[in-house]
Amino acid sequence: MTSRTQKNIKVENKHPTVGLVNLGCVRNTVDSQDILGRLERKGHRIVDPDKAEVVVVNTCSFIEDARKESVDAIMDLVRLKKQGRVKKIIVAGCLAQRYGSKLSKELPEVDAFVGVQSLKKDHGQEALSLTPSHYAYLKICESCFNRCSFCVIPLLKGRFASRSVESILKDVRRMDARGVKEINIVGQDITAYGMDLFREKRLAGLLRRIAVECSAIGWIRLLYAYPSHVTDELLEVIASEPKICKYIDIPLQHVSDRVLKAMRRRITRAQTARLVERIRRKVPGVFLRTTFIVGFPGETEREFSELLDFVREYRFERVGVFPYSREEGTAAWGLPGQVPLKTKRARQRRLMEDQQEISRAFLESQLGRELRVLVEGRAPDTKDVYQARSEFDAPDVDGMVYVRSVQPLRAGQFAEVRITGALDYDLEGELVRC
């Protein structure tokens, strides 16, 4: 699947120092680790980008904002190259895959555009990590089984592909041996795992195997579950396996039947409601993170109000809201009724304002509760306050638990905390024991 536009990328040093700028989602983080791991094995020394002879930018082009961030990062490096501080620039990832030929003409300062990496069934992840040592991301599949009308992922990544069970378990054993405390299982749609290899969903069975392999690992977190692929067997495993976080990231995108059909989501509002109710019933105490798209072509004020009402009724613990991004090559590109950006932004704000109230009320309901947390480190500019996450807080996207403790705590340590305060998206607590 890799697209390659390359010029002469020789440098004077046979093994120049290499730095990497990682953009986009956590799946890109795994890809960036693999890029650096392979370069390191070839003899290159990995350094900070501002000290490197060769800089790789692993880009994202999922939506317009991601493309802008990627182009801005490239232009920053172009300026450094003109100053003589960088010798070579290599652009990798989705932006290079999608626009490499065009950009190679517009940005002659870039030495190579190398596109996305193809997932190989039996290959493991590189040992090099771009995350703190106490947590890691584990990619089990690539691309998506679904063809949502707004999404470019299948165009960029190709056909859905799962990794073999043994290659995944090998990575888990390695992470466990080096003392990782939390693994975050990622993929565009992890709930479709195995459908290409076995013609059936095998995530539940895989999770049972992973849990058996874990000794040091205390948390197994699931990210990006496609609604129509969530099975009762999967929910039973989440509910019964202590190491699996009672946290499910399940992007719903909308609830209006007309919008869902136009999005090609293969689910209705009624089915969505039943799914949420089934998850909460089968996994008591579960935290649900979801995302919604506002301003999809043709979305009326009435359909947006329907979405608002749904969020108010089902009161998700975590919600992200994104304005629809019109993506060339997708089925939704030519749909009539494109919603003005001003309207999309206004709807995004209205939904997030409602969700902020829901989040605040929910966090206040946690007062007095004892939670197990994973310490991230000392909070900046404090003496006895530490940043931590509960099993209900995914790295980078969710809130923090700020723990007051006169006893020194270290990153990667589990501790029990009593919740004493609630902010808009974060909690405050006091150490009980560790």
Protein backbone atom coordinates (compact mmCIF):
# COMPACT_ATOMS: atom_id res chain seq x y z
CA MET A 1 0.00 0.00 0.00
CA THR A 2 3.02 2.29 0.47
CA SER A 3 3.26 5.22 -1.95
CA ARG A 4 6.78 6.46 -2.55
CA THR A 5 7.99 9.71 -4.11
CA GLN A 6 11.74 9.95 -3.56
CA LYS A 7 14.63 12.15 -4.56
CA ASN A 8 18.31 11.75 -3.79
CA ILE A 9 18.45 11.37 0.01
CA LYS A 10 22.14 10.62 0.43
CA VAL A 11 23.89 12.40 3.25
CA GLU A 12 27.57 12.69 4.01
CA ASN A 13 27.36 10.49 7.12
CA LYS A 14 26.54 6.85 6.35
CA HIS A 15 24.31 6.69 9.43
CA PRO A 16 23.02 10.24 10.01
CA THR A 17 21.23 11.11 13.22
CA VAL A 18 17.46 10.88 12.87
CA GLY A 19 14.62 12.69 14.60
CA LEU A 20 10.90 12.16 14.20
CA VAL A 21 7.86 14.42 14.48
CA ASN A 22 4.79 12.33 15.26
CA LEU A 23 1.38 13.75 14.36
CA GLY A 24 -2.16 12.41 14.46
CA CYS A 25 -3.69 9.63 16.52
CA VAL A 26 -2.16 6.95 18.75
CA ARG A 27 -2.17 4.51 15.83
CA ASN A 28 0.34 6.84 14.22
CA THR A 29 2.38 6.63 17.41
CA VAL A 30 2.74 2.88 16.92
CA ASP A 31 3.78 3.44 13.29
CA SER A 32 6.32 6.06 14.38
CA GLN A 33 7.80 3.63 16.90
CA ASP A 34 8.20 1.09 14.11
CA ILE A 35 9.88 3.64 11.82
CA LEU A 36 12.37 4.64 14.51
CA GLY A 37 12.97 1.06 15.59
CA ARG A 38 13.91 0.00 12.08
CA LEU A 39 16.18 3.02 11.62
CA GLU A 40 17.89 2.35 14.94
CA ARG A 41 18.57 -1.26 13.96
CA LYS A 42 20.19 0.02 10.77
CA GLY A 43 22.68 1.98 12.85
CA HIS A 44 21.08 5.43 13.03
CA ARG A 45 21.16 7.32 16.31
CA ILE A 46 17.75 8.66 17.33
CA VAL A 47 17.81 12.23 18.65
CA ASP A 48 15.41 15.13 19.16
CA PRO A 49 14.23 16.57 15.82
CA ASP A 50 15.92 19.94 16.45
CA LYS A 51 19.27 18.13 16.77
CA ALA A 52 18.88 15.68 13.88
CA GLU A 53 20.49 15.60 10.45
CA VAL A 54 17.45 13.80 9.00
CA VAL A 55 13.92 14.45 10.24
CA VAL A 56 10.96 12.19 9.52
CA VAL A 57 7.45 13.65 9.82
CA ASN A 58 4.79 10.99 10.31
CA THR A 59 1.70 12.86 9.10
CA CYS A 60 -2.06 12.60 9.35
CA SER A 61 -4.64 13.70 6.79
CA PHE A 62 -7.82 12.27 8.29
CA ILE A 63 -9.54 15.65 8.41
CA GLU A 64 -8.74 19.19 7.29
CA ASP A 65 -7.32 20.29 10.66
CA ALA A 66 -4.94 17.31 10.65
CA ARG A 67 -3.74 18.17 7.16
CA LYS A 68 -3.07 21.76 8.20
CA GLU A 69 -1.10 20.60 11.24
CA SER A 70 0.94 18.26 9.03
CA VAL A 71 1.70 20.94 6.44
CA ASP A 72 2.64 23.43 9.17
CA ALA A 73 5.07 20.90 10.65
CA ILE A 74 6.65 20.31 7.23
CA MET A 75 7.02 24.05 6.62
CA ASP A 76 8.73 24.47 10.00
CA LEU A 77 11.29 21.87 8.93
CA VAL A 78 11.71 23.51 5.52
CA ARG A 79 12.70 26.73 7.30
CA LEU A 80 15.22 24.80 9.42
CA LYS A 81 16.65 23.18 6.29
CA LYS A 82 17.10 26.57 4.63
CA GLN A 83 19.00 27.68 7.74
CA GLY A 84 21.24 24.62 7.42
CA ARG A 85 20.05 23.10 10.69
CA VAL A 86 18.40 20.08 8.98
CA LYS A 87 19.96 18.24 6.04
CA LYS A 88 17.12 16.00 4.89
CA ILE A 89 13.33 15.91 5.34
CA ILE A 90 11.26 12.76 4.87
CA VAL A 91 7.46 12.94 4.96
CA ALA A 92 5.70 9.69 5.87
CA GLY A 93 2.16 8.65 6.69
CA CYS A 94 -1.30 9.53 5.45
CA LEU A 95 -0.54 12.95 3.95
CA ALA A 96 2.29 11.49 1.88
CA GLN A 97 0.12 8.56 0.85
CA ARG A 98 -2.70 10.83 -0.30
CA TYR A 99 -0.90 13.85 -1.70
CA GLY A 100 2.75 12.80 -2.12
CA SER A 101 2.92 13.31 -5.89
CA LYS A 102 1.37 16.76 -5.69
CA LEU A 103 3.38 17.87 -2.66
CA SER A 104 6.67 16.73 -4.17
CA LYS A 105 6.21 19.40 -6.83
CA GLU A 106 5.10 22.10 -4.40
CA LEU A 107 7.74 21.31 -1.75
CA PRO A 108 11.02 20.57 -3.51
CA GLU A 109 12.82 20.95 -0.17
CA VAL A 110 11.33 17.62 0.97
CA ASP A 111 13.62 14.74 0.04
CA ALA A 112 11.13 11.87 0.09
CA PHE A 113 7.43 11.10 0.52
CA VAL A 114 7.02 7.50 1.66
CA GLY A 115 3.31 7.01 2.42
CA VAL A 116 1.79 4.61 4.95
CA GLN A 117 3.15 1.31 6.18
CA SER A 118 1.34 -1.92 5.40
CA LEU A 119 0.51 -4.06 8.42
CA LYS A 120 2.14 -7.47 8.18
CA LYS A 121 0.20 -10.27 9.81
CA ASP A 122 3.10 -11.97 11.60
CA HIS A 123 5.32 -8.98 12.36
CA GLY A 124 5.56 -7.62 15.87
CA GLN A 125 5.83 -4.01 16.97
CA GLU A 126 9.25 -2.49 17.46
CA ALA A 127 10.50 -2.44 21.04
CA LEU A 128 11.33 1.28 20.85
CA SER A 129 8.63 3.29 22.62
CA LEU A 130 7.49 6.90 22.28
CA THR A 131 5.30 6.68 25.39
CA PRO A 132 6.27 6.81 29.07
CA SER A 133 7.61 3.43 30.16
CA HIS A 134 4.55 2.52 32.25
CA TYR A 135 2.04 2.38 29.39
CA ALA A 136 2.07 1.32 25.76
CA TYR A 137 -0.12 1.09 22.67
CA LEU A 138 -0.71 -2.26 21.02
CA LYS A 139 -2.04 -2.18 17.47
CA ILE A 140 -3.90 -5.38 16.57
CA CYS A 141 -5.35 -4.42 13.19
CA GLU A 142 -5.17 -1.82 10.45
CA SER A 143 -7.73 0.00 8.30
CA CYS A 144 -11.45 -0.53 8.66
CA PHE A 145 -14.03 -3.12 7.69
CA ASN A 146 -16.66 -0.43 7.26
CA ARG A 147 -17.15 2.06 4.45
CA CYS A 148 -18.61 5.08 6.20
CA SER A 149 -19.38 7.77 3.65
CA PHE A 150 -17.37 10.49 5.45
CA CYS A 151 -14.17 8.53 6.10
CA VAL A 152 -10.95 8.35 4.07
CA ILE A 153 -9.30 5.60 6.12
CA PRO A 154 -10.02 2.72 3.70
CA LEU A 155 -8.75 4.90 0.84
CA LEU A 156 -5.49 5.52 2.67
CA LYS A 157 -4.94 2.24 4.47
CA GLY A 158 -6.34 -0.30 2.02
CA ARG A 159 -8.18 -3.44 3.06
CA PHE A 160 -8.77 -4.30 6.71
CA ALA A 161 -5.99 -6.50 8.10
CA SER A 162 -5.60 -8.27 11.45
CA ARG A 163 -2.34 -9.34 13.03
CA SER A 164 -1.86 -12.98 14.00
CA VAL A 165 -2.65 -13.97 17.57
CA GLU A 166 0.89 -15.18 18.22
CA SER A 167 2.53 -11.96 17.00
CA ILE A 168 0.25 -9.97 19.31
CA LEU A 169 0.93 -12.23 22.30
CA LYS A 170 4.66 -11.96 21.67
CA ASP A 171 4.39 -8.17 21.94
CA VAL A 172 2.33 -8.50 25.12
CA ARG A 173 4.95 -10.76 26.73
CA ARG A 174 7.69 -8.29 25.81
CA MET A 175 5.74 -5.34 27.23
CA ASP A 176 4.95 -7.28 30.38
CA ALA A 177 8.60 -8.26 30.84
CA ARG A 178 9.78 -4.66 30.64
CA GLY A 179 7.30 -3.60 33.35
CA VAL A 180 4.53 -1.91 31.36
CA LYS A 181 1.50 -1.39 33.62
CA GLU A 182 -1.13 -0.52 31.02
CA ILE A 183 -1.62 -1.56 27.42
CA ASN A 184 -4.03 0.32 25.20
CA ILE A 185 -5.32 -1.87 22.38
CA VAL A 186 -5.81 0.20 19.25
CA GLY A 187 -6.94 -0.07 15.64
CA GLN A 188 -9.45 1.75 13.46
CA ASP A 189 -11.98 -0.94 14.47
CA ILE A 190 -10.66 -3.44 17.00
CA THR A 191 -14.09 -5.09 17.28
CA ALA A 192 -13.65 -6.40 13.71
CA TYR A 193 -10.44 -8.17 14.73
CA GLY A 194 -10.21 -11.57 13.04
CA MET A 195 -12.89 -11.06 10.41
CA ASP A 196 -10.30 -11.18 7.64
CA LEU A 197 -8.38 -14.14 9.09
CA PHE A 198 -11.16 -16.28 10.55
CA ARG A 199 -14.36 -14.92 8.97
CA GLU A 200 -15.63 -14.08 12.45
CA LYS A 201 -15.01 -11.56 15.22
CA ARG A 202 -12.29 -12.85 17.54
CA LEU A 203 -11.57 -9.90 19.86
CA ALA A 204 -13.17 -11.54 22.91
CA GLY A 205 -11.02 -14.65 22.59
CA LEU A 206 -7.90 -12.56 21.95
CA LEU A 207 -8.52 -10.57 25.13
CA ARG A 208 -8.75 -13.76 27.17
CA ARG A 209 -5.38 -14.84 25.78
CA ILE A 210 -3.81 -11.44 26.46
CA ALA A 211 -5.04 -11.37 30.07
CA VAL A 212 -3.41 -14.74 30.75
CA GLU A 213 -0.04 -13.42 29.52
CA CYS A 214 -0.06 -10.40 31.85
CA SER A 215 1.86 -10.37 35.10
CA ALA A 216 3.09 -6.78 35.51
CA ILE A 217 0.36 -5.34 33.30
CA GLY A 218 -2.57 -4.29 35.45
CA TRP A 219 -4.82 -2.58 32.91
CA ILE A 220 -5.92 -3.55 29.42
CA ARG A 221 -7.81 -0.73 27.71
CA LEU A 222 -9.90 -0.98 24.53
CA LEU A 223 -9.98 1.93 22.09
CA TYR A 224 -12.24 2.37 19.07
CA ALA A 225 -15.06 -0.16 19.07
CA TYR A 226 -17.41 0.01 16.08
CA PRO A 227 -21.04 0.00 17.32
CA SER A 228 -22.44 -2.75 15.11
CA HIS A 229 -19.52 -5.09 15.94
CA VAL A 230 -19.94 -5.10 19.73
CA THR A 231 -20.95 -8.65 20.72
CA ASP A 232 -22.37 -10.06 23.93
CA GLU A 233 -19.29 -12.28 24.21
CA LEU A 234 -17.05 -9.20 24.14
CA LEU A 235 -19.10 -7.47 26.84
CA GLU A 236 -18.97 -10.59 29.01
CA VAL A 237 -15.17 -10.65 28.79
CA ILE A 238 -14.94 -6.95 29.67
CA ALA A 239 -17.26 -7.46 32.64
CA SER A 240 -15.57 -10.59 33.98
CA GLU A 241 -11.85 -9.97 33.41
CA PRO A 242 -10.47 -7.77 36.23
CA LYS A 243 -7.55 -6.48 34.17
CA ILE A 244 -9.74 -5.10 31.39
CA CYS A 245 -10.69 -1.49 32.09
CA LYS A 246 -14.42 -0.92 32.37
CA TYR A 247 -14.05 1.70 29.68
CA ILE A 248 -15.23 1.47 26.09
CA ASP A 249 -14.47 4.01 23.38
CA ILE A 250 -17.33 3.58 20.92
CA PRO A 251 -17.77 6.34 18.30
CA LEU A 252 -21.48 6.68 17.53
CA GLN A 253 -21.16 9.74 15.20
CA HIS A 254 -24.90 10.59 15.17
CA VAL A 255 -28.36 9.33 16.14
CA SER A 256 -30.70 10.71 13.47
CA ASP A 257 -31.86 7.82 11.27
CA ARG A 258 -31.51 9.88 8.10
CA VAL A 259 -28.03 11.09 8.97
CA LEU A 260 -26.89 7.62 10.05
CA LYS A 261 -28.11 6.19 6.74
CA ALA A 262 -26.31 8.92 4.78
CA MET A 263 -23.19 8.18 6.84
CA ARG A 264 -23.53 4.45 5.98
CA ARG A 265 -23.28 3.50 9.62
CA ARG A 266 -25.57 0.45 9.34
CA ILE A 267 -27.33 1.24 12.61
CA THR A 268 -30.47 3.14 13.60
CA ARG A 269 -31.25 5.42 16.51
CA ALA A 270 -33.31 2.68 18.18
CA GLN A 271 -30.49 0.17 17.76
CA THR A 272 -28.01 2.72 19.11
CA ALA A 273 -30.14 3.27 22.21
CA ARG A 274 -30.48 -0.48 22.76
CA LEU A 275 -26.73 -0.91 22.34
CA VAL A 276 -25.93 1.72 24.99
CA GLU A 277 -28.47 0.18 27.36
CA ARG A 278 -27.08 -3.32 26.72
CA ILE A 279 -23.51 -2.22 27.42
CA ARG A 280 -24.47 -0.54 30.69
CA ARG A 281 -26.52 -3.56 31.74
CA LYS A 282 -23.85 -6.16 30.94
CA VAL A 283 -20.85 -4.15 32.22
CA PRO A 284 -21.94 -2.50 35.49
CA GLY A 285 -20.10 0.73 36.20
CA VAL A 286 -18.75 1.03 32.66
CA PHE A 287 -17.51 4.40 31.39
CA LEU A 288 -18.50 5.17 27.82
CA ARG A 289 -16.50 7.50 25.60
CA THR A 290 -18.05 8.41 22.28
CA THR A 291 -17.64 10.91 19.47
CA PHE A 292 -20.18 12.71 17.34
CA ILE A 293 -19.97 14.54 14.02
CA VAL A 294 -22.05 17.70 13.65
CA GLY A 295 -22.82 19.49 10.41
CA PHE A 296 -22.91 16.41 8.19
CA PRO A 297 -24.36 17.34 4.77
CA GLY A 298 -28.06 17.99 5.07
CA GLU A 299 -28.11 17.95 8.88
CA THR A 300 -31.08 20.07 9.92
CA GLU A 301 -31.55 21.95 13.15
CA ARG A 302 -34.16 19.36 14.08
CA GLU A 303 -31.70 16.49 13.51
CA PHE A 304 -29.07 18.30 15.56
CA SER A 305 -31.62 18.80 18.35
CA GLU A 306 -32.32 15.08 18.22
CA LEU A 307 -28.62 14.49 18.85
CA LEU A 308 -28.62 16.96 21.75
CA ASP A 309 -31.61 15.22 23.32
CA PHE A 310 -29.91 11.83 22.99
CA VAL A 311 -26.75 13.07 24.72
CA ARG A 312 -28.82 14.60 27.53
CA GLU A 313 -30.78 11.37 27.97
CA TYR A 314 -27.91 8.86 27.90
CA ARG A 315 -25.34 11.03 29.68
CA PHE A 316 -22.07 9.65 28.36
CA GLU A 317 -19.10 9.94 30.68
CA ARG A 318 -16.81 11.15 27.89
CA VAL A 319 -17.77 12.86 24.61
CA GLY A 320 -15.80 14.35 21.75
CA VAL A 321 -17.50 16.47 19.07
CA PHE A 322 -16.09 17.20 15.61
CA PRO A 323 -17.41 19.41 12.81
CA TYR A 324 -17.90 17.41 9.61
CA SER A 325 -14.83 17.61 7.38
CA ARG A 326 -15.50 17.27 3.66
CA GLU A 327 -12.98 14.78 2.31
CA GLU A 328 -12.23 14.35 -1.38
CA GLY A 329 -12.79 10.80 -2.59
CA THR A 330 -15.38 9.89 0.02
CA ALA A 331 -19.01 9.13 -0.80
CA ALA A 332 -20.15 12.16 1.22
CA TRP A 333 -17.99 14.57 -0.81
CA GLY A 334 -20.71 15.28 -3.38
CA LEU A 335 -23.73 15.19 -1.10
CA PRO A 336 -26.04 18.21 -1.31
CA GLY A 337 -26.75 20.43 1.66
CA GLN A 338 -23.19 21.17 2.78
CA VAL A 339 -23.50 22.95 6.14
CA PRO A 340 -21.65 26.29 6.55
CA LEU A 341 -18.56 26.14 8.79
CA LYS A 342 -20.03 28.81 11.09
CA THR A 343 -23.07 26.60 11.72
CA LYS A 344 -20.91 23.52 12.30
CA ARG A 345 -18.76 25.35 14.82
CA ALA A 346 -21.82 26.70 16.62
CA ARG A 347 -23.34 23.22 16.89
CA GLN A 348 -20.06 21.84 18.17
CA ARG A 349 -19.99 24.48 20.91
CA ARG A 350 -23.62 23.86 21.91
CA LEU A 351 -23.13 20.14 22.24
CA MET A 352 -19.89 20.50 24.20
CA GLU A 353 -21.51 23.02 26.54
CA ASP A 354 -24.23 20.50 27.33
CA GLN A 355 -21.64 17.75 27.77
CA GLN A 356 -19.59 19.92 30.11
CA GLU A 357 -22.56 20.15 32.48
CA ILE A 358 -23.07 16.39 32.26
CA SER A 359 -19.38 15.76 32.91
CA ARG A 360 -19.30 18.11 35.88
CA ALA A 361 -22.34 16.46 37.47
CA PHE A 362 -20.87 13.03 36.89
CA LEU A 363 -17.50 13.93 38.40
CA GLU A 364 -19.24 15.42 41.44
CA SER A 365 -20.98 12.07 41.93
CA GLN A 366 -17.53 10.51 42.44
CA LEU A 367 -16.85 12.51 45.62
CA GLY A 368 -15.98 10.20 48.50
CA ARG A 369 -15.32 7.23 46.24
CA GLU A 370 -12.05 5.30 46.37
CA LEU A 371 -10.39 4.78 42.99
CA ARG A 372 -7.35 2.87 41.89
CA VAL A 373 -5.10 5.16 39.86
CA LEU A 374 -1.91 4.90 37.84
CA VAL A 375 0.54 7.65 38.74
CA GLU A 376 1.90 9.73 35.84
CA GLY A 377 4.30 11.89 37.84
CA ARG A 378 4.45 15.00 39.98
CA ALA A 379 2.11 17.83 38.97
CA PRO A 380 4.05 20.86 37.66
CA ASP A 381 5.00 23.53 40.20
CA THR A 382 3.80 21.50 43.20
CA LYS A 383 5.47 19.81 46.13
CA ASP A 384 3.05 17.07 47.14
CA VAL A 385 0.52 16.81 44.29
CA TYR A 386 0.77 14.10 41.65
CA GLN A 387 -0.96 13.55 38.33
CA ALA A 388 -2.65 10.18 37.88
CA ARG A 389 -5.30 8.42 35.81
CA SER A 390 -8.06 6.05 36.82
CA GLU A 391 -9.06 3.08 34.66
CA PHE A 392 -11.70 5.42 33.25
CA ASP A 393 -9.15 7.86 31.84
CA ALA A 394 -7.31 7.01 28.62
CA PRO A 395 -3.92 8.66 28.05
CA ASP A 396 -3.94 12.04 26.32
CA VAL A 397 -7.71 12.25 25.68
CA ASP A 398 -9.34 12.10 29.12
CA GLY A 399 -8.95 13.91 32.40
CA MET A 400 -6.58 13.50 35.33
CA VAL A 401 -6.85 12.69 39.00
CA TYR A 402 -4.72 15.13 41.01
CA VAL A 403 -3.51 13.24 44.07
CA ARG A 404 -2.28 14.96 47.23
CA SER A 405 0.31 12.82 48.99
CA VAL A 406 3.10 13.61 51.44
CA GLN A 407 4.45 10.14 50.62
CA PRO A 408 6.56 10.26 47.44
CA LEU A 409 4.94 8.55 44.45
CA ARG A 410 6.62 7.43 41.25
CA ALA A 411 5.39 7.26 37.66
CA GLY A 412 3.96 3.84 36.87
CA GLN A 413 2.88 3.13 40.43
CA PHE A 414 -0.67 2.04 41.24
CA ALA A 415 -2.31 3.71 44.23
CA GLU A 416 -5.68 3.91 45.96
CA VAL A 417 -7.11 7.41 46.19
CA ARG A 418 -10.16 8.91 47.91
CA ILE A 419 -11.84 11.54 45.71
CA THR A 420 -12.20 14.89 47.47
CA GLY A 421 -12.90 17.38 44.67
CA ALA A 422 -14.32 17.68 41.16
CA LEU A 423 -13.37 20.11 38.40
CA ASP A 424 -14.87 20.40 34.89
CA TYR A 425 -12.99 17.38 33.52
CA ASP A 426 -10.60 16.35 36.32
CA LEU A 427 -10.80 14.97 39.83
CA GLU A 428 -8.88 15.73 43.03
CA GLY A 429 -8.06 13.15 45.66
CA GLU A 430 -5.94 12.14 48.63
CA LEU A 431 -3.71 9.09 48.84
CA VAL A 432 -5.21 6.23 50.84
CA ARG A 433 -2.58 3.57 50.19
CA CYS A 434 -0.15 2.35 47.56
